[in-house]
Amino acid sequence: MHDSQALDDLLAEEDPVTYVDSAYTGEACEEVFERKRVKGKVIERAYGNKPLTARQRKGNRAKSRIRVRVEHVFGTMCMCMRAAWNRCIGMNRNHGAVAMTNLVYNMIRLEQIERLELRTW
């Protein structure tokens, strides 16, 4: 099943602004956003011989600046920590594995913040 087909199950009523990629374009997705009263910020895509306008590129860049903060977390977990799959039997063990992955990611990120002197608090 494609991600966009599960949009109705993923969104809850009146979720905050939701930033999604261009797979969530189309009337069906717009109808789900409207019915659930969710503001959907969708990345616009170019089609065939119709490139994006300067305004669309600027809008995509603004949306991407927010999306990248989440995408980098999952990218690091999948690529660097090899946490794309849990091989545990049972929900409790899977929940524990996800919790440990999140803990390790936060430790890695804290070390990076300290090393690069990015602390703002």
Protein backbone atom coordinates (compact mmCIF):
# COMPACT_ATOMS: atom_id res chain seq x y z
CA MET A 1 0.00 0.00 0.00
CA HIS A 2 1.32 3.45 -0.88
CA ASP A 3 1.72 5.99 1.94
CA SER A 4 -0.82 8.36 0.44
CA GLN A 5 -3.49 5.63 0.57
CA ALA A 6 -3.08 5.39 4.36
CA LEU A 7 -3.40 9.16 4.89
CA ASP A 8 -6.88 8.86 6.36
CA ASP A 9 -5.62 6.45 9.04
CA LEU A 10 -2.50 8.50 9.79
CA LEU A 11 -4.22 11.83 10.41
CA ALA A 12 -6.25 12.59 13.50
CA GLU A 13 -8.95 15.25 13.75
CA GLU A 14 -7.45 18.73 13.93
CA ASP A 15 -3.81 17.64 13.92
CA PRO A 16 -1.40 20.58 13.75
CA VAL A 17 -0.01 21.77 10.43
CA THR A 18 1.29 18.69 8.61
CA TYR A 19 4.23 18.93 6.21
CA VAL A 20 4.18 16.14 3.60
CA ASP A 21 5.99 15.30 0.39
CA SER A 22 4.60 15.45 -3.12
CA ALA A 23 3.10 11.95 -2.88
CA TYR A 24 0.17 13.51 -0.99
CA THR A 25 -1.08 15.64 -3.89
CA GLY A 26 -4.40 15.10 -5.56
CA GLU A 27 -8.07 15.45 -4.83
CA ALA A 28 -8.29 12.40 -2.57
CA CYS A 29 -5.57 13.68 -0.24
CA GLU A 30 -6.97 17.22 -0.26
CA GLU A 31 -10.37 15.82 0.70
CA VAL A 32 -8.84 13.94 3.65
CA PHE A 33 -7.02 17.07 4.86
CA GLU A 34 -10.24 19.08 4.60
CA ARG A 35 -12.42 16.46 6.29
CA LYS A 36 -9.99 16.06 9.20
CA ARG A 37 -9.54 19.86 9.40
CA VAL A 38 -5.77 19.59 9.05
CA LYS A 39 -3.66 22.21 7.29
CA GLY A 40 -1.57 20.18 4.83
CA LYS A 41 1.64 21.77 3.56
CA VAL A 42 2.44 19.67 0.49
CA ILE A 43 5.67 19.92 -1.48
CA GLU A 44 4.78 20.89 -5.05
CA ARG A 45 6.23 18.94 -7.96
CA ALA A 46 7.03 19.78 -11.56
CA TYR A 47 5.27 17.91 -14.35
CA GLY A 48 6.74 16.98 -17.74
CA ASN A 49 7.49 20.21 -19.56
CA LYS A 50 6.04 22.45 -16.82
CA PRO A 51 8.83 23.37 -14.37
CA LEU A 52 8.14 24.93 -11.00
CA THR A 53 7.84 28.70 -10.84
CA ALA A 54 10.20 30.74 -8.68
CA ARG A 55 7.38 31.19 -6.15
CA GLN A 56 6.75 27.43 -5.98
CA ARG A 57 10.48 26.72 -5.51
CA LYS A 58 10.61 29.30 -2.72
CA GLY A 59 7.55 27.73 -1.07
CA ASN A 60 9.04 24.24 -1.36
CA ARG A 61 12.26 25.46 0.23
CA ALA A 62 10.38 26.93 3.19
CA LYS A 63 8.43 23.68 3.67
CA SER A 64 11.59 21.59 3.31
CA ARG A 65 13.36 23.54 6.05
CA ILE A 66 10.79 22.23 8.50
CA ARG A 67 10.50 18.70 7.07
CA VAL A 68 14.26 18.16 7.10
CA ARG A 69 14.36 18.37 10.90
CA VAL A 70 12.27 15.19 11.09
CA GLU A 71 13.68 13.46 8.02
CA HIS A 72 17.25 13.70 9.34
CA VAL A 73 16.28 11.91 12.55
CA PHE A 74 14.78 8.96 10.69
CA GLY A 75 17.56 9.00 8.12
CA THR A 76 20.18 8.77 10.85
CA MET A 77 18.30 5.98 12.59
CA CYS A 78 17.94 3.98 9.37
CA MET A 79 21.30 4.62 7.72
CA CYS A 80 23.74 5.02 10.61
CA MET A 81 22.07 3.03 13.37
CA ARG A 82 20.52 0.37 11.08
CA ALA A 83 17.25 0.69 12.95
CA ALA A 84 14.95 0.35 9.97
CA TRP A 85 13.75 -3.06 11.13
CA ASN A 86 13.08 -4.48 14.57
CA ARG A 87 13.56 -8.20 14.79
CA CYS A 88 11.83 -8.68 18.10
CA ILE A 89 8.92 -10.98 18.78
CA GLY A 90 6.13 -9.29 20.70
CA MET A 91 4.94 -5.72 21.09
CA ASN A 92 6.68 -5.14 24.43
CA ARG A 93 10.08 -6.04 23.03
CA ASN A 94 9.47 -3.93 19.92
CA HIS A 95 8.44 -0.95 22.06
CA GLY A 96 11.61 -1.44 24.11
CA ALA A 97 13.76 -1.62 20.97
CA VAL A 98 12.23 1.62 19.64
CA ALA A 99 12.74 3.32 23.01
CA MET A 100 16.41 2.25 23.08
CA THR A 101 16.92 3.46 19.51
CA ASN A 102 15.45 6.85 20.44
CA LEU A 103 17.63 7.03 23.55
CA VAL A 104 20.80 6.23 21.60
CA TYR A 105 19.90 8.76 18.90
CA ASN A 106 19.40 11.46 21.54
CA MET A 107 22.77 10.61 23.10
CA ILE A 108 24.46 10.82 19.69
CA ARG A 109 22.76 14.15 18.98
CA LEU A 110 23.74 15.57 22.40
CA GLU A 111 27.37 14.60 21.78
CA GLN A 112 27.23 16.30 18.39
CA ILE A 113 25.72 19.46 19.89
CA GLU A 114 28.43 19.57 22.56
CA ARG A 115 31.27 18.85 20.12
CA LEU A 116 30.13 21.49 17.62
CA GLU A 117 29.25 23.97 20.39
CA LEU A 118 25.69 24.38 19.14
CA ARG A 119 24.07 24.55 22.56
CA THR A 120 21.56 27.38 22.82
CA TRP A 121 20.21 26.72 26.30
